[in-house]
Amino acid sequence: MVENVIWPAYLDADRSRNEGRRVPRDIAVPEPTVEEIAKAVQQVGYDASVERDKAYSREPWTHRGRVVVRGADDSTKNDLVQAVAAYVGAMRS
């Protein structure tokens, strides 16, 4: 089974592409949390587990955590991250 990792920086509207954002700015959200991401992953239909003590390699001084997604064999990581970003944005509005 494939495991994908989603870091909050992937969805963060305050980050540039060089700083790790992977989605277009129009669907990115400011300061996403791992709880929001995990809830969105479950809404998309996959299992998610939160690891709060992890730090993204481009910001090792900040332990924002990460979300491990299981069972996303049928989609690409980019599609998964974009769907999760859309759900987080919808949850906030």
PDB file of N, CA and C in Angstrom:
ATOM      1  N   MET A   1       0.837  -1.183   0.000  1.00  0.00           N
ATOM      2  CA  MET A   1       0.000   0.000   0.000  1.00  0.00           C
ATOM      3  C   MET A   1       0.884   1.249   0.000  1.00  0.00           C
ATOM      4  N   VAL A   2       0.502   2.197  -0.796  1.00  0.00           N
ATOM      5  CA  VAL A   2       1.270   3.430  -0.941  1.00  0.00           C
ATOM      6  C   VAL A   2       0.898   4.407   0.171  1.00  0.00           C
ATOM      7  N   GLU A   3       1.904   5.049   0.728  1.00  0.00           N
ATOM      8  CA  GLU A   3       1.684   6.109   1.706  1.00  0.00           C
ATOM      9  C   GLU A   3       2.182   7.422   1.112  1.00  0.00           C
ATOM     10  N   ASN A   4       1.349   8.438   1.160  1.00  0.00           N
ATOM     11  CA  ASN A   4       1.731   9.784   0.739  1.00  0.00           C
ATOM     12  C   ASN A   4       1.774  10.674   1.966  1.00  0.00           C
ATOM     13  N   VAL A   5       2.686  11.616   1.964  1.00  0.00           N
ATOM     14  CA  VAL A   5       2.808  12.562   3.068  1.00  0.00           C
ATOM     15  C   VAL A   5       2.389  13.936   2.559  1.00  0.00           C
ATOM     16  N   ILE A   6       1.536  14.598   3.331  1.00  0.00           N
ATOM     17  CA  ILE A   6       1.145  15.977   3.018  1.00  0.00           C
ATOM     18  C   ILE A   6       1.615  16.869   4.156  1.00  0.00           C
ATOM     19  N   TRP A   7       2.480  17.795   3.820  1.00  0.00           N
ATOM     20  CA  TRP A   7       2.981  18.776   4.780  1.00  0.00           C
ATOM     21  C   TRP A   7       2.116  20.031   4.681  1.00  0.00           C
ATOM     22  N   PRO A   8       1.873  20.735   5.783  1.00  0.00           N
ATOM     23  CA  PRO A   8       1.087  21.971   5.723  1.00  0.00           C
ATOM     24  C   PRO A   8       1.659  23.003   4.738  1.00  0.00           C
ATOM     25  N   ALA A   9       2.959  23.017   4.556  1.00  0.00           N
ATOM     26  CA  ALA A   9       3.573  23.972   3.624  1.00  0.00           C
ATOM     27  C   ALA A   9       3.069  23.777   2.191  1.00  0.00           C
ATOM     28  N   TYR A  10       2.646  22.562   1.832  1.00  0.00           N
ATOM     29  CA  TYR A  10       2.134  22.297   0.489  1.00  0.00           C
ATOM     30  C   TYR A  10       0.903  23.136   0.172  1.00  0.00           C
ATOM     31  N   LEU A  11       0.112  23.477   1.197  1.00  0.00           N
ATOM     32  CA  LEU A  11      -1.156  24.183   1.008  1.00  0.00           C
ATOM     33  C   LEU A  11      -1.117  25.631   1.473  1.00  0.00           C
ATOM     34  N   ASP A  12      -0.001  26.079   2.010  1.00  0.00           N
ATOM     35  CA  ASP A  12       0.101  27.383   2.675  1.00  0.00           C
ATOM     36  C   ASP A  12       0.184  28.530   1.667  1.00  0.00           C
ATOM     37  N   ALA A  13      -0.815  29.410   1.706  1.00  0.00           N
ATOM     38  CA  ALA A  13      -0.875  30.546   0.790  1.00  0.00           C
ATOM     39  C   ALA A  13       0.234  31.554   1.055  1.00  0.00           C
ATOM     40  N   ASP A  14       0.810  31.529   2.242  1.00  0.00           N
ATOM     41  CA  ASP A  14       1.872  32.466   2.596  1.00  0.00           C
ATOM     42  C   ASP A  14       3.243  32.021   2.089  1.00  0.00           C
ATOM     43  N   ARG A  15       3.320  30.860   1.490  1.00  0.00           N
ATOM     44  CA  ARG A  15       4.583  30.323   0.969  1.00  0.00           C
ATOM     45  C   ARG A  15       4.619  30.440  -0.552  1.00  0.00           C
ATOM     46  N   SER A  16       5.829  30.554  -1.075  1.00  0.00           N
ATOM     47  CA  SER A  16       6.011  30.551  -2.527  1.00  0.00           C
ATOM     48  C   SER A  16       6.214  29.107  -2.987  1.00  0.00           C
ATOM     49  N   ARG A  17       6.248  28.910  -4.273  1.00  0.00           N
ATOM     50  CA  ARG A  17       6.517  27.571  -4.804  1.00  0.00           C
ATOM     51  C   ARG A  17       7.912  27.110  -4.366  1.00  0.00           C
ATOM     52  N   ASN A  18       8.880  28.031  -4.351  1.00  0.00           N
ATOM     53  CA  ASN A  18      10.234  27.676  -3.923  1.00  0.00           C
ATOM     54  C   ASN A  18      10.296  27.302  -2.445  1.00  0.00           C
ATOM     55  N   GLU A  19       9.369  27.807  -1.666  1.00  0.00           N
ATOM     56  CA  GLU A  19       9.331  27.500  -0.237  1.00  0.00           C
ATOM     57  C   GLU A  19       8.506  26.251   0.067  1.00  0.00           C
ATOM     58  N   GLY A  20       7.953  25.613  -0.957  1.00  0.00           N
ATOM     59  CA  GLY A  20       7.286  24.332  -0.758  1.00  0.00           C
ATOM     60  C   GLY A  20       5.817  24.262  -1.099  1.00  0.00           C
ATOM     61  N   ARG A  21       5.182  25.384  -1.470  1.00  0.00           N
ATOM     62  CA  ARG A  21       3.761  25.314  -1.821  1.00  0.00           C
ATOM     63  C   ARG A  21       3.604  24.533  -3.115  1.00  0.00           C
ATOM     64  N   ARG A  22       2.634  23.606  -3.155  1.00  0.00           N
ATOM     65  CA  ARG A  22       2.436  22.753  -4.323  1.00  0.00           C
ATOM     66  C   ARG A  22       1.118  22.998  -5.042  1.00  0.00           C
ATOM     67  N   VAL A  23       0.297  23.868  -4.527  1.00  0.00           N
ATOM     68  CA  VAL A  23      -0.994  24.139  -5.159  1.00  0.00           C
ATOM     69  C   VAL A  23      -1.026  25.579  -5.651  1.00  0.00           C
ATOM     70  N   PRO A  24      -1.895  25.888  -6.623  1.00  0.00           N
ATOM     71  CA  PRO A  24      -2.015  27.281  -7.058  1.00  0.00           C
ATOM     72  C   PRO A  24      -2.444  28.178  -5.901  1.00  0.00           C
ATOM     73  N   ARG A  25      -2.018  29.403  -5.920  1.00  0.00           N
ATOM     74  CA  ARG A  25      -2.302  30.333  -4.826  1.00  0.00           C
ATOM     75  C   ARG A  25      -3.810  30.537  -4.624  1.00  0.00           C
ATOM     76  N   ASP A  26      -4.610  30.418  -5.680  1.00  0.00           N
ATOM     77  CA  ASP A  26      -6.047  30.656  -5.536  1.00  0.00           C
ATOM     78  C   ASP A  26      -6.771  29.555  -4.744  1.00  0.00           C
ATOM     79  N   ILE A  27      -6.192  28.356  -4.612  1.00  0.00           N
ATOM     80  CA  ILE A  27      -6.815  27.336  -3.761  1.00  0.00           C
ATOM     81  C   ILE A  27      -6.020  27.081  -2.480  1.00  0.00           C
ATOM     82  N   ALA A  28      -4.881  27.755  -2.336  1.00  0.00           N
ATOM     83  CA  ALA A  28      -4.078  27.637  -1.114  1.00  0.00           C
ATOM     84  C   ALA A  28      -4.780  28.385   0.016  1.00  0.00           C
ATOM     85  N   VAL A  29      -4.475  27.998   1.253  1.00  0.00           N
ATOM     86  CA  VAL A  29      -5.071  28.631   2.431  1.00  0.00           C
ATOM     87  C   VAL A  29      -3.962  29.115   3.364  1.00  0.00           C
ATOM     88  N   PRO A  30      -4.199  30.208   4.081  1.00  0.00           N
ATOM     89  CA  PRO A  30      -3.173  30.672   5.014  1.00  0.00           C
ATOM     90  C   PRO A  30      -3.097  29.779   6.254  1.00  0.00           C
ATOM     91  N   GLU A  31      -1.897  29.398   6.618  1.00  0.00           N
ATOM     92  CA  GLU A  31      -1.592  28.627   7.818  1.00  0.00           C
ATOM     93  C   GLU A  31      -2.508  27.413   8.024  1.00  0.00           C
ATOM     94  N   PRO A  32      -2.470  26.455   7.102  1.00  0.00           N
ATOM     95  CA  PRO A  32      -3.285  25.250   7.308  1.00  0.00           C
ATOM     96  C   PRO A  32      -2.733  24.414   8.462  1.00  0.00           C
ATOM     97  N   THR A  33      -3.601  23.727   9.172  1.00  0.00           N
ATOM     98  CA  THR A  33      -3.177  22.877  10.278  1.00  0.00           C
ATOM     99  C   THR A  33      -3.260  21.417   9.851  1.00  0.00           C
ATOM    100  N   VAL A  34      -2.539  20.569  10.566  1.00  0.00           N
ATOM    101  CA  VAL A  34      -2.580  19.143  10.246  1.00  0.00           C
ATOM    102  C   VAL A  34      -3.967  18.559  10.540  1.00  0.00           C
ATOM    103  N   GLU A  35      -4.683  19.120  11.497  1.00  0.00           N
ATOM    104  CA  GLU A  35      -6.032  18.642  11.791  1.00  0.00           C
ATOM    105  C   GLU A  35      -6.970  18.926  10.619  1.00  0.00           C
ATOM    106  N   GLU A  36      -6.879  20.128  10.053  1.00  0.00           N
ATOM    107  CA  GLU A  36      -7.699  20.472   8.885  1.00  0.00           C
ATOM    108  C   GLU A  36      -7.359  19.572   7.701  1.00  0.00           C
ATOM    109  N   ILE A  37      -6.075  19.346   7.505  1.00  0.00           N
ATOM    110  CA  ILE A  37      -5.631  18.514   6.383  1.00  0.00           C
ATOM    111  C   ILE A  37      -6.126  17.082   6.553  1.00  0.00           C
ATOM    112  N   ALA A  38      -6.006  16.542   7.762  1.00  0.00           N
ATOM    113  CA  ALA A  38      -6.454  15.172   8.016  1.00  0.00           C
ATOM    114  C   ALA A  38      -7.962  15.040   7.799  1.00  0.00           C
ATOM    115  N   LYS A  39      -8.722  16.025   8.244  1.00  0.00           N
ATOM    116  CA  LYS A  39     -10.173  15.996   8.047  1.00  0.00           C
ATOM    117  C   LYS A  39     -10.504  16.045   6.553  1.00  0.00           C
ATOM    118  N   ALA A  40      -9.791  16.870   5.797  1.00  0.00           N
ATOM    119  CA  ALA A  40     -10.020  16.971   4.353  1.00  0.00           C
ATOM    120  C   ALA A  40      -9.650  15.667   3.645  1.00  0.00           C
ATOM    121  N   VAL A  41      -8.572  15.033   4.074  1.00  0.00           N
ATOM    122  CA  VAL A  41      -8.169  13.745   3.491  1.00  0.00           C
ATOM    123  C   VAL A  41      -9.264  12.714   3.700  1.00  0.00           C
ATOM    124  N   GLN A  42      -9.850  12.699   4.872  1.00  0.00           N
ATOM    125  CA  GLN A  42     -10.936  11.762   5.151  1.00  0.00           C
ATOM    126  C   GLN A  42     -12.161  12.086   4.309  1.00  0.00           C
ATOM    127  N   GLN A  43     -12.424  13.365   4.057  1.00  0.00           N
ATOM    128  CA  GLN A  43     -13.541  13.759   3.199  1.00  0.00           C
ATOM    129  C   GLN A  43     -13.314  13.303   1.755  1.00  0.00           C
ATOM    130  N   VAL A  44     -12.065  13.305   1.327  1.00  0.00           N
ATOM    131  CA  VAL A  44     -11.732  12.846  -0.017  1.00  0.00           C
ATOM    132  C   VAL A  44     -11.896  11.328  -0.113  1.00  0.00           C
ATOM    133  N   GLY A  45     -11.796  10.631   1.013  1.00  0.00           N
ATOM    134  CA  GLY A  45     -12.056   9.204   1.032  1.00  0.00           C
ATOM    135  C   GLY A  45     -10.869   8.319   1.344  1.00  0.00           C
ATOM    136  N   TYR A  46      -9.842   8.871   1.964  1.00  0.00           N
ATOM    137  CA  TYR A  46      -8.659   8.085   2.302  1.00  0.00           C
ATOM    138  C   TYR A  46      -8.431   8.099   3.809  1.00  0.00           C
ATOM    139  N   ASP A  47      -7.636   7.151   4.273  1.00  0.00           N
ATOM    140  CA  ASP A  47      -7.264   7.105   5.690  1.00  0.00           C
ATOM    141  C   ASP A  47      -6.114   8.067   5.933  1.00  0.00           C
ATOM    142  N   ALA A  48      -6.175   8.780   7.050  1.00  0.00           N
ATOM    143  CA  ALA A  48      -5.132   9.748   7.385  1.00  0.00           C
ATOM    144  C   ALA A  48      -4.697   9.570   8.825  1.00  0.00           C
ATOM    145  N   SER A  49      -3.408   9.744   9.055  1.00  0.00           N
ATOM    146  CA  SER A  49      -2.907   9.787  10.424  1.00  0.00           C
ATOM    147  C   SER A  49      -2.009  11.006  10.560  1.00  0.00           C
ATOM    148  N   VAL A  50      -2.111  11.648  11.698  1.00  0.00           N
ATOM    149  CA  VAL A  50      -1.370  12.879  11.965  1.00  0.00           C
ATOM    150  C   VAL A  50      -0.125  12.552  12.769  1.00  0.00           C
ATOM    151  N   GLU A  51       0.996  13.110  12.337  1.00  0.00           N
ATOM    152  CA  GLU A  51       2.254  13.016  13.081  1.00  0.00           C
ATOM    153  C   GLU A  51       2.669  14.438  13.435  1.00  0.00           C
ATOM    154  N   ARG A  52       2.394  14.849  14.659  1.00  0.00           N
ATOM    155  CA  ARG A  52       2.580  16.245  15.071  1.00  0.00           C
ATOM    156  C   ARG A  52       4.025  16.646  15.333  1.00  0.00           C
ATOM    157  N   ASP A  53       4.897  15.713  15.603  1.00  0.00           N
ATOM    158  CA  ASP A  53       6.265  16.042  16.002  1.00  0.00           C
ATOM    159  C   ASP A  53       7.248  16.110  14.842  1.00  0.00           C
ATOM    160  N   LYS A  54       6.768  16.183  13.610  1.00  0.00           N
ATOM    161  CA  LYS A  54       7.642  16.193  12.441  1.00  0.00           C
ATOM    162  C   LYS A  54       7.831  17.616  11.921  1.00  0.00           C
ATOM    163  N   ALA A  55       8.992  17.844  11.302  1.00  0.00           N
ATOM    164  CA  ALA A  55       9.302  19.148  10.720  1.00  0.00           C
ATOM    165  C   ALA A  55       9.613  18.986   9.237  1.00  0.00           C
ATOM    166  N   TYR A  56       9.044  19.853   8.425  1.00  0.00           N
ATOM    167  CA  TYR A  56       9.275  19.866   6.986  1.00  0.00           C
ATOM    168  C   TYR A  56      10.734  20.240   6.722  1.00  0.00           C
ATOM    169  N   SER A  57      11.348  19.601   5.769  1.00  0.00           N
ATOM    170  CA  SER A  57      12.786  19.788   5.535  1.00  0.00           C
ATOM    171  C   SER A  57      13.148  21.215   5.136  1.00  0.00           C
ATOM    172  N   ARG A  58      12.219  21.958   4.566  1.00  0.00           N
ATOM    173  CA  ARG A  58      12.520  23.341   4.189  1.00  0.00           C
ATOM    174  C   ARG A  58      12.296  24.324   5.333  1.00  0.00           C
ATOM    175  N   GLU A  59      11.750  23.840   6.439  1.00  0.00           N
ATOM    176  CA  GLU A  59      11.590  24.662   7.642  1.00  0.00           C
ATOM    177  C   GLU A  59      11.819  23.803   8.884  1.00  0.00           C
ATOM    178  N   PRO A  60      13.061  23.321   9.065  1.00  0.00           N
ATOM    179  CA  PRO A  60      13.331  22.375  10.167  1.00  0.00           C
ATOM    180  C   PRO A  60      13.190  22.977  11.560  1.00  0.00           C
ATOM    181  N   TRP A  61      13.111  24.263  11.692  1.00  0.00           N
ATOM    182  CA  TRP A  61      12.977  24.925  12.982  1.00  0.00           C
ATOM    183  C   TRP A  61      11.523  24.946  13.469  1.00  0.00           C
ATOM    184  N   THR A  62      10.566  24.595  12.610  1.00  0.00           N
ATOM    185  CA  THR A  62       9.149  24.624  12.962  1.00  0.00           C
ATOM    186  C   THR A  62       8.559  23.230  12.868  1.00  0.00           C
ATOM    187  N   HIS A  63       8.031  22.725  13.956  1.00  0.00           N
ATOM    188  CA  HIS A  63       7.415  21.396  13.980  1.00  0.00           C
ATOM    189  C   HIS A  63       5.900  21.535  13.829  1.00  0.00           C
ATOM    190  N   ARG A  64       5.458  21.717  12.568  1.00  0.00           N
ATOM    191  CA  ARG A  64       4.024  21.869  12.279  1.00  0.00           C
ATOM    192  C   ARG A  64       3.342  20.525  12.094  1.00  0.00           C
ATOM    193  N   GLY A  65       4.123  19.464  11.959  1.00  0.00           N
ATOM    194  CA  GLY A  65       3.568  18.132  11.774  1.00  0.00           C
ATOM    195  C   GLY A  65       3.357  17.804  10.304  1.00  0.00           C
ATOM    196  N   ARG A  66       2.807  16.615  10.076  1.00  0.00           N
ATOM    197  CA  ARG A  66       2.501  16.154   8.732  1.00  0.00           C
ATOM    198  C   ARG A  66       1.341  15.178   8.800  1.00  0.00           C
ATOM    199  N   VAL A  67       0.734  14.923   7.638  1.00  0.00           N
ATOM    200  CA  VAL A  67      -0.368  13.972   7.543  1.00  0.00           C
ATOM    201  C   VAL A  67       0.065  12.858   6.602  1.00  0.00           C
ATOM    202  N   VAL A  68      -0.028  11.626   7.081  1.00  0.00           N
ATOM    203  CA  VAL A  68       0.297  10.459   6.264  1.00  0.00           C
ATOM    204  C   VAL A  68      -1.015   9.909   5.716  1.00  0.00           C
ATOM    205  N   VAL A  69      -1.088   9.798   4.385  1.00  0.00           N
ATOM    206  CA  VAL A  69      -2.298   9.345   3.700  1.00  0.00           C
ATOM    207  C   VAL A  69      -2.066   7.927   3.200  1.00  0.00           C
ATOM    208  N   ARG A  70      -2.989   7.046   3.557  1.00  0.00           N
ATOM    209  CA  ARG A  70      -2.898   5.644   3.127  1.00  0.00           C
ATOM    210  C   ARG A  70      -4.035   5.322   2.172  1.00  0.00           C
ATOM    211  N   GLY A  71      -3.728   4.488   1.188  1.00  0.00           N
ATOM    212  CA  GLY A  71      -4.762   4.011   0.282  1.00  0.00           C
ATOM    213  C   GLY A  71      -5.002   4.877  -0.926  1.00  0.00           C
ATOM    214  N   ALA A  72      -4.126   5.826  -1.200  1.00  0.00           N
ATOM    215  CA  ALA A  72      -4.309   6.716  -2.352  1.00  0.00           C
ATOM    216  C   ALA A  72      -3.568   6.171  -3.569  1.00  0.00           C
ATOM    217  N   ASP A  73      -3.687   4.857  -3.819  1.00  0.00           N
ATOM    218  CA  ASP A  73      -2.972   4.224  -4.918  1.00  0.00           C
ATOM    219  C   ASP A  73      -3.449   4.687  -6.286  1.00  0.00           C
ATOM    220  N   ASP A  74      -4.731   5.016  -6.391  1.00  0.00           N
ATOM    221  CA  ASP A  74      -5.322   5.293  -7.693  1.00  0.00           C
ATOM    222  C   ASP A  74      -5.153   6.730  -8.174  1.00  0.00           C
ATOM    223  N   SER A  75      -4.581   7.617  -7.382  1.00  0.00           N
ATOM    224  CA  SER A  75      -4.424   9.003  -7.813  1.00  0.00           C
ATOM    225  C   SER A  75      -2.972   9.442  -7.656  1.00  0.00           C
ATOM    226  N   THR A  76      -2.626  10.473  -8.383  1.00  0.00           N
ATOM    227  CA  THR A  76      -1.279  11.020  -8.230  1.00  0.00           C
ATOM    228  C   THR A  76      -1.240  11.896  -6.985  1.00  0.00           C
ATOM    229  N   LYS A  77      -0.064  12.124  -6.485  1.00  0.00           N
ATOM    230  CA  LYS A  77       0.074  12.943  -5.288  1.00  0.00           C
ATOM    231  C   LYS A  77      -0.403  14.366  -5.559  1.00  0.00           C
ATOM    232  N   ASN A  78      -0.128  14.884  -6.750  1.00  0.00           N
ATOM    233  CA  ASN A  78      -0.556  16.238  -7.088  1.00  0.00           C
ATOM    234  C   ASN A  78      -2.080  16.358  -7.055  1.00  0.00           C
ATOM    235  N   ASP A  79      -2.778  15.369  -7.619  1.00  0.00           N
ATOM    236  CA  ASP A  79      -4.244  15.385  -7.585  1.00  0.00           C
ATOM    237  C   ASP A  79      -4.754  15.326  -6.152  1.00  0.00           C
ATOM    238  N   LEU A  80      -4.137  14.502  -5.339  1.00  0.00           N
ATOM    239  CA  LEU A  80      -4.516  14.361  -3.944  1.00  0.00           C
ATOM    240  C   LEU A  80      -4.341  15.678  -3.193  1.00  0.00           C
ATOM    241  N   VAL A  81      -3.187  16.313  -3.348  1.00  0.00           N
ATOM    242  CA  VAL A  81      -2.899  17.562  -2.639  1.00  0.00           C
ATOM    243  C   VAL A  81      -3.863  18.662  -3.085  1.00  0.00           C
ATOM    244  N   GLN A  82      -4.171  18.727  -4.370  1.00  0.00           N
ATOM    245  CA  GLN A  82      -5.101  19.752  -4.853  1.00  0.00           C
ATOM    246  C   GLN A  82      -6.512  19.518  -4.321  1.00  0.00           C
ATOM    247  N   ALA A  83      -6.949  18.261  -4.271  1.00  0.00           N
ATOM    248  CA  ALA A  83      -8.278  17.958  -3.731  1.00  0.00           C
ATOM    249  C   ALA A  83      -8.349  18.308  -2.250  1.00  0.00           C
ATOM    250  N   VAL A  84      -7.303  18.002  -1.509  1.00  0.00           N
ATOM    251  CA  VAL A  84      -7.262  18.316  -0.080  1.00  0.00           C
ATOM    252  C   VAL A  84      -7.280  19.831   0.123  1.00  0.00           C
ATOM    253  N   ALA A  85      -6.533  20.571  -0.679  1.00  0.00           N
ATOM    254  CA  ALA A  85      -6.517  22.036  -0.566  1.00  0.00           C
ATOM    255  C   ALA A  85      -7.905  22.607  -0.826  1.00  0.00           C
ATOM    256  N   ALA A  86      -8.601  22.073  -1.812  1.00  0.00           N
ATOM    257  CA  ALA A  86      -9.957  22.544  -2.112  1.00  0.00           C
ATOM    258  C   ALA A  86     -10.905  22.283  -0.937  1.00  0.00           C
ATOM    259  N   TYR A  87     -10.793  21.118  -0.298  1.00  0.00           N
ATOM    260  CA  TYR A  87     -11.635  20.794   0.845  1.00  0.00           C
ATOM    261  C   TYR A  87     -11.305  21.679   2.048  1.00  0.00           C
ATOM    262  N   VAL A  88     -10.032  21.931   2.293  1.00  0.00           N
ATOM    263  CA  VAL A  88      -9.665  22.805   3.422  1.00  0.00           C
ATOM    264  C   VAL A  88     -10.235  24.209   3.185  1.00  0.00           C
ATOM    265  N   GLY A  89     -10.118  24.706   1.966  1.00  0.00           N
ATOM    266  CA  GLY A  89     -10.684  26.010   1.640  1.00  0.00           C
ATOM    267  C   GLY A  89     -12.199  26.038   1.823  1.00  0.00           C
ATOM    268  N   ALA A  90     -12.869  24.970   1.421  1.00  0.00           N
ATOM    269  CA  ALA A  90     -14.327  24.896   1.572  1.00  0.00           C
ATOM    270  C   ALA A  90     -14.729  24.811   3.038  1.00  0.00           C
ATOM    271  N   MET A  91     -13.945  24.101   3.845  1.00  0.00           N
ATOM    272  CA  MET A  91     -14.248  23.993   5.277  1.00  0.00           C
ATOM    273  C   MET A  91     -14.126  25.352   5.972  1.00  0.00           C
ATOM    274  N   ARG A  92     -13.218  26.174   5.494  1.00  0.00           N
ATOM    275  CA  ARG A  92     -13.009  27.475   6.128  1.00  0.00           C
ATOM    276  C   ARG A  92     -14.051  28.513   5.729  1.00  0.00           C
ATOM    277  N   SER A  93     -14.696  28.320   4.591  1.00  0.00           N
ATOM    278  CA  SER A  93     -15.666  29.340   4.155  1.00  0.00           C
ATOM    279  C   SER A  93     -17.078  29.017   4.559  1.00  0.00           C
TER     280      SER A  93
END
